[in-house]
Amino acid sequence: MSLTAVLVLAVAGCGSGAAPAPVAGSAPSNGDAVTIHNFAFDPPTLTVKPGAEVTWTFDDSTDHTVVADDNSFASQPMGNGQTYTHTFPAAGEVAYHCSIHPFMKATVTVK
């Protein structure tokens, strides 16, 4: 057997086949996350349970904000992968927008 064949077989047997472990501090796994990209909130509507934390990830070519129409929460301008988190304590519907780009609108429904 050639040296190349031995190396190929050795490397092929090195993987464990297991999925990588979750990374601490990564986006919420419960789906209570919004990405800001291409001047839009994705998803534009999100339904969560009372007490849920929603995390917005700012992933766009410019800074944006997350501001509740009822002023119950507001982020600073953010970008470059920064995140903002808000807890929704009670049932209801909260519309929000980007104060820098007012055409960007979305809603969180808590029920």
N, C-alpha and C. Protein backbone atom coordinates (compact mmCIF):
# COMPACT_ATOMS: atom_id res chain seq x y z
N MET A 1 0.85 -1.17 0.00
CA MET A 1 0.00 0.00 0.00
C MET A 1 0.90 1.23 0.00
N SER A 2 0.56 2.23 -0.79
CA SER A 2 1.39 3.43 -0.87
C SER A 2 1.17 4.32 0.35
N LEU A 3 2.11 5.23 0.57
CA LEU A 3 2.02 6.17 1.69
C LEU A 3 0.78 7.05 1.55
N THR A 4 0.44 7.46 0.34
CA THR A 4 -0.74 8.28 0.10
C THR A 4 -2.02 7.55 0.50
N ALA A 5 -2.11 6.28 0.14
CA ALA A 5 -3.29 5.49 0.49
C ALA A 5 -3.42 5.32 2.00
N VAL A 6 -2.30 5.14 2.69
CA VAL A 6 -2.32 4.99 4.14
C VAL A 6 -2.80 6.29 4.80
N LEU A 7 -2.30 7.42 4.31
CA LEU A 7 -2.70 8.72 4.87
C LEU A 7 -4.19 8.99 4.64
N VAL A 8 -4.68 8.65 3.46
CA VAL A 8 -6.10 8.86 3.15
C VAL A 8 -6.96 8.02 4.09
N LEU A 9 -6.60 6.76 4.30
CA LEU A 9 -7.36 5.90 5.20
C LEU A 9 -7.28 6.40 6.64
N ALA A 10 -6.14 6.89 7.07
CA ALA A 10 -5.99 7.39 8.44
C ALA A 10 -6.84 8.62 8.67
N VAL A 11 -6.84 9.54 7.72
CA VAL A 11 -7.63 10.76 7.86
C VAL A 11 -9.12 10.44 7.80
N ALA A 12 -9.53 9.53 6.96
CA ALA A 12 -10.95 9.18 6.83
C ALA A 12 -11.50 8.61 8.11
N GLY A 13 -10.69 7.93 8.90
CA GLY A 13 -11.16 7.31 10.14
C GLY A 13 -11.13 8.24 11.34
N CYS A 14 -10.73 9.51 11.17
CA CYS A 14 -10.57 10.42 12.30
C CYS A 14 -11.86 11.05 12.78
N GLY A 15 -12.87 11.15 11.95
CA GLY A 15 -14.11 11.82 12.37
C GLY A 15 -14.92 10.97 13.31
N SER A 16 -15.59 11.62 14.28
CA SER A 16 -16.40 10.88 15.24
C SER A 16 -17.82 10.67 14.75
N GLY A 17 -18.23 11.47 13.75
CA GLY A 17 -19.59 11.36 13.24
C GLY A 17 -20.62 12.06 14.10
N ALA A 18 -20.22 12.58 15.26
CA ALA A 18 -21.17 13.25 16.15
C ALA A 18 -21.37 14.69 15.71
N ALA A 19 -22.55 15.19 15.94
CA ALA A 19 -22.85 16.59 15.63
C ALA A 19 -22.10 17.48 16.61
N PRO A 20 -21.71 18.68 16.17
CA PRO A 20 -21.01 19.58 17.08
C PRO A 20 -21.91 20.02 18.22
N ALA A 21 -21.30 20.27 19.36
CA ALA A 21 -22.05 20.72 20.54
C ALA A 21 -22.52 22.15 20.32
N PRO A 22 -23.68 22.54 20.91
CA PRO A 22 -24.16 23.91 20.78
C PRO A 22 -23.15 24.88 21.39
N VAL A 23 -23.09 26.07 20.83
CA VAL A 23 -22.17 27.09 21.30
C VAL A 23 -22.89 27.98 22.31
N ALA A 24 -22.28 28.18 23.46
CA ALA A 24 -22.86 29.06 24.48
C ALA A 24 -22.96 30.46 23.92
N GLY A 25 -24.06 31.15 24.21
CA GLY A 25 -24.25 32.51 23.76
C GLY A 25 -24.79 32.62 22.35
N SER A 26 -25.13 31.50 21.74
CA SER A 26 -25.68 31.54 20.39
C SER A 26 -27.14 31.99 20.45
N ALA A 27 -27.74 32.18 19.29
CA ALA A 27 -29.12 32.66 19.21
C ALA A 27 -30.04 31.71 19.97
N PRO A 28 -31.16 32.22 20.48
CA PRO A 28 -32.09 31.39 21.24
C PRO A 28 -32.56 30.20 20.42
N SER A 29 -32.66 29.04 21.07
CA SER A 29 -33.06 27.85 20.36
C SER A 29 -34.58 27.68 20.32
N ASN A 30 -35.31 28.51 21.05
CA ASN A 30 -36.76 28.37 21.12
C ASN A 30 -37.47 29.15 20.03
N GLY A 31 -36.74 29.71 19.08
CA GLY A 31 -37.37 30.41 17.97
C GLY A 31 -37.75 31.84 18.29
N ASP A 32 -37.40 32.34 19.47
CA ASP A 32 -37.75 33.71 19.84
C ASP A 32 -36.65 34.66 19.42
N ALA A 33 -36.36 34.64 18.11
CA ALA A 33 -35.27 35.44 17.56
C ALA A 33 -35.71 36.12 16.28
N VAL A 34 -35.18 37.33 16.07
CA VAL A 34 -35.45 38.10 14.86
C VAL A 34 -34.10 38.54 14.31
N THR A 35 -33.92 38.40 13.02
CA THR A 35 -32.71 38.88 12.36
C THR A 35 -33.07 40.13 11.57
N ILE A 36 -32.19 41.11 11.64
CA ILE A 36 -32.38 42.33 10.86
C ILE A 36 -31.38 42.26 9.71
N HIS A 37 -31.93 42.14 8.49
CA HIS A 37 -31.10 41.96 7.31
C HIS A 37 -31.84 42.51 6.10
N ASN A 38 -31.11 43.13 5.18
CA ASN A 38 -31.70 43.71 3.97
C ASN A 38 -32.83 44.68 4.30
N PHE A 39 -32.61 45.51 5.34
CA PHE A 39 -33.56 46.53 5.75
C PHE A 39 -34.94 45.95 6.07
N ALA A 40 -34.94 44.79 6.75
CA ALA A 40 -36.19 44.14 7.14
C ALA A 40 -35.99 43.32 8.40
N PHE A 41 -37.08 43.16 9.16
CA PHE A 41 -37.10 42.27 10.32
C PHE A 41 -37.56 40.90 9.84
N ASP A 42 -36.83 39.85 10.21
CA ASP A 42 -37.17 38.50 9.77
C ASP A 42 -37.20 37.57 10.97
N PRO A 43 -38.37 37.09 11.36
CA PRO A 43 -39.66 37.22 10.69
C PRO A 43 -40.32 38.56 11.03
N PRO A 44 -41.22 39.02 10.17
CA PRO A 44 -41.91 40.30 10.43
C PRO A 44 -42.99 40.18 11.51
N THR A 45 -43.46 38.98 11.76
CA THR A 45 -44.40 38.73 12.86
C THR A 45 -43.89 37.53 13.64
N LEU A 46 -43.96 37.65 14.96
CA LEU A 46 -43.46 36.61 15.84
C LEU A 46 -44.45 36.43 16.97
N THR A 47 -44.79 35.19 17.29
CA THR A 47 -45.69 34.90 18.41
C THR A 47 -44.89 34.17 19.49
N VAL A 48 -44.98 34.70 20.72
CA VAL A 48 -44.25 34.13 21.85
C VAL A 48 -45.19 33.99 23.04
N LYS A 49 -44.73 33.27 24.05
CA LYS A 49 -45.50 33.11 25.29
C LYS A 49 -45.11 34.21 26.27
N PRO A 50 -46.00 34.56 27.21
CA PRO A 50 -45.64 35.55 28.23
C PRO A 50 -44.36 35.13 28.96
N GLY A 51 -43.49 36.09 29.18
CA GLY A 51 -42.22 35.84 29.84
C GLY A 51 -41.09 35.50 28.88
N ALA A 52 -41.39 35.40 27.59
CA ALA A 52 -40.37 35.05 26.61
C ALA A 52 -39.42 36.21 26.37
N GLU A 53 -38.17 35.86 26.14
CA GLU A 53 -37.17 36.82 25.71
C GLU A 53 -37.05 36.73 24.20
N VAL A 54 -37.06 37.87 23.54
CA VAL A 54 -36.84 37.92 22.10
C VAL A 54 -35.50 38.61 21.88
N THR A 55 -34.68 38.01 21.03
CA THR A 55 -33.38 38.57 20.72
C THR A 55 -33.34 38.97 19.25
N TRP A 56 -32.97 40.22 19.01
CA TRP A 56 -32.78 40.73 17.66
C TRP A 56 -31.29 40.71 17.36
N THR A 57 -30.92 40.19 16.19
CA THR A 57 -29.54 40.21 15.74
C THR A 57 -29.43 41.17 14.57
N PHE A 58 -28.55 42.14 14.72
CA PHE A 58 -28.37 43.20 13.72
C PHE A 58 -27.32 42.75 12.71
N ASP A 59 -27.77 42.33 11.54
CA ASP A 59 -26.90 41.77 10.52
C ASP A 59 -27.20 42.43 9.18
N ASP A 60 -26.83 43.70 9.09
CA ASP A 60 -27.13 44.46 7.87
C ASP A 60 -25.97 45.37 7.53
N SER A 61 -26.08 46.05 6.41
CA SER A 61 -25.00 46.91 5.93
C SER A 61 -24.95 48.26 6.64
N THR A 62 -25.93 48.54 7.49
CA THR A 62 -25.98 49.80 8.23
C THR A 62 -26.62 49.57 9.59
N ASP A 63 -26.50 50.53 10.48
CA ASP A 63 -27.11 50.40 11.80
C ASP A 63 -28.63 50.51 11.74
N HIS A 64 -29.28 49.86 12.69
CA HIS A 64 -30.73 49.92 12.85
C HIS A 64 -31.05 50.01 14.33
N THR A 65 -32.32 50.25 14.65
CA THR A 65 -32.81 50.20 16.03
C THR A 65 -34.04 49.31 16.07
N VAL A 66 -34.42 48.95 17.29
CA VAL A 66 -35.67 48.23 17.55
C VAL A 66 -36.40 49.08 18.58
N VAL A 67 -37.53 49.69 18.17
CA VAL A 67 -38.26 50.60 19.05
C VAL A 67 -39.74 50.24 19.04
N ALA A 68 -40.30 49.95 20.22
CA ALA A 68 -41.72 49.63 20.32
C ALA A 68 -42.54 50.88 20.00
N ASP A 69 -43.62 50.69 19.25
CA ASP A 69 -44.50 51.82 18.93
C ASP A 69 -45.09 52.44 20.19
N ASP A 70 -45.26 51.63 21.27
CA ASP A 70 -45.79 52.15 22.53
C ASP A 70 -44.67 52.61 23.48
N ASN A 71 -43.44 52.66 22.98
CA ASN A 71 -42.25 53.08 23.74
C ASN A 71 -41.93 52.19 24.94
N SER A 72 -42.40 50.94 24.95
CA SER A 72 -42.12 50.05 26.07
C SER A 72 -40.69 49.51 26.05
N PHE A 73 -40.02 49.59 24.92
CA PHE A 73 -38.61 49.23 24.82
C PHE A 73 -37.99 49.92 23.62
N ALA A 74 -36.66 50.08 23.67
CA ALA A 74 -35.94 50.71 22.57
C ALA A 74 -34.46 50.34 22.66
N SER A 75 -33.90 49.97 21.55
CA SER A 75 -32.46 49.69 21.50
C SER A 75 -31.73 50.95 21.03
N GLN A 76 -30.45 50.95 21.25
CA GLN A 76 -29.58 51.94 20.64
C GLN A 76 -29.33 51.52 19.20
N PRO A 77 -28.83 52.41 18.35
CA PRO A 77 -28.44 51.96 17.00
C PRO A 77 -27.37 50.89 17.11
N MET A 78 -27.56 49.80 16.37
CA MET A 78 -26.64 48.66 16.44
C MET A 78 -26.41 48.09 15.06
N GLY A 79 -25.32 47.35 14.93
CA GLY A 79 -24.98 46.68 13.68
C GLY A 79 -23.90 45.64 13.94
N ASN A 80 -23.32 45.13 12.86
CA ASN A 80 -22.18 44.23 12.93
C ASN A 80 -22.38 43.02 13.84
N GLY A 81 -23.56 42.39 13.80
CA GLY A 81 -23.79 41.18 14.58
C GLY A 81 -24.17 41.42 16.03
N GLN A 82 -24.30 42.70 16.44
CA GLN A 82 -24.71 42.97 17.82
C GLN A 82 -26.13 42.45 18.04
N THR A 83 -26.49 42.24 19.31
CA THR A 83 -27.82 41.76 19.64
C THR A 83 -28.47 42.65 20.69
N TYR A 84 -29.79 42.65 20.67
CA TYR A 84 -30.61 43.35 21.66
C TYR A 84 -31.68 42.36 22.10
N THR A 85 -31.93 42.28 23.42
CA THR A 85 -32.92 41.35 23.95
C THR A 85 -33.93 42.09 24.81
N HIS A 86 -35.20 41.71 24.65
CA HIS A 86 -36.27 42.27 25.46
C HIS A 86 -37.19 41.13 25.92
N THR A 87 -37.64 41.21 27.18
CA THR A 87 -38.57 40.22 27.73
C THR A 87 -39.99 40.77 27.62
N PHE A 88 -40.89 39.94 27.14
CA PHE A 88 -42.30 40.32 26.99
C PHE A 88 -43.09 39.66 28.13
N PRO A 89 -43.44 40.44 29.17
CA PRO A 89 -44.02 39.85 30.38
C PRO A 89 -45.49 39.45 30.29
N ALA A 90 -46.26 40.12 29.45
CA ALA A 90 -47.71 39.90 29.46
C ALA A 90 -48.26 39.77 28.05
N ALA A 91 -49.45 39.15 27.97
CA ALA A 91 -50.12 38.97 26.68
C ALA A 91 -50.43 40.31 26.04
N GLY A 92 -50.42 40.31 24.72
CA GLY A 92 -50.74 41.52 23.96
C GLY A 92 -49.98 41.52 22.64
N GLU A 93 -50.19 42.57 21.89
CA GLU A 93 -49.50 42.72 20.62
C GLU A 93 -48.68 43.99 20.67
N VAL A 94 -47.40 43.88 20.32
CA VAL A 94 -46.51 45.04 20.35
C VAL A 94 -45.92 45.23 18.95
N ALA A 95 -46.31 46.33 18.33
CA ALA A 95 -45.73 46.69 17.04
C ALA A 95 -44.42 47.44 17.32
N TYR A 96 -43.45 47.26 16.43
CA TYR A 96 -42.18 47.96 16.59
C TYR A 96 -41.63 48.35 15.23
N HIS A 97 -40.61 49.19 15.25
CA HIS A 97 -40.04 49.71 14.02
C HIS A 97 -38.57 50.08 14.24
N CYS A 98 -37.90 50.45 13.17
CA CYS A 98 -36.55 51.01 13.24
C CYS A 98 -36.70 52.52 13.19
N SER A 99 -36.18 53.21 14.20
CA SER A 99 -36.33 54.67 14.23
C SER A 99 -35.49 55.35 13.16
N ILE A 100 -34.46 54.69 12.67
CA ILE A 100 -33.62 55.26 11.61
C ILE A 100 -34.29 55.08 10.25
N HIS A 101 -34.98 53.95 10.08
CA HIS A 101 -35.65 53.61 8.82
C HIS A 101 -37.10 53.27 9.14
N PRO A 102 -37.97 54.27 9.30
CA PRO A 102 -39.35 54.04 9.78
C PRO A 102 -40.20 53.10 8.92
N PHE A 103 -39.79 52.84 7.69
CA PHE A 103 -40.55 51.90 6.85
C PHE A 103 -40.34 50.46 7.31
N MET A 104 -39.33 50.22 8.15
CA MET A 104 -39.09 48.88 8.69
C MET A 104 -40.01 48.67 9.88
N LYS A 105 -40.98 47.77 9.75
CA LYS A 105 -41.98 47.53 10.78
C LYS A 105 -42.17 46.03 10.99
N ALA A 106 -42.55 45.68 12.25
CA ALA A 106 -42.80 44.28 12.57
C ALA A 106 -43.66 44.23 13.83
N THR A 107 -44.05 43.02 14.24
CA THR A 107 -44.94 42.85 15.39
C THR A 107 -44.56 41.61 16.18
N VAL A 108 -44.64 41.73 17.51
CA VAL A 108 -44.53 40.58 18.41
C VAL A 108 -45.88 40.41 19.07
N THR A 109 -46.47 39.22 18.97
CA THR A 109 -47.72 38.89 19.63
C THR A 109 -47.40 37.97 20.79
N VAL A 110 -47.88 38.33 21.97
CA VAL A 110 -47.63 37.54 23.17
C VAL A 110 -48.96 36.92 23.58
N LYS A 111 -48.99 35.57 23.58
CA LYS A 111 -50.23 34.88 24.02
C LYS A 111 -49.93 33.49 24.53
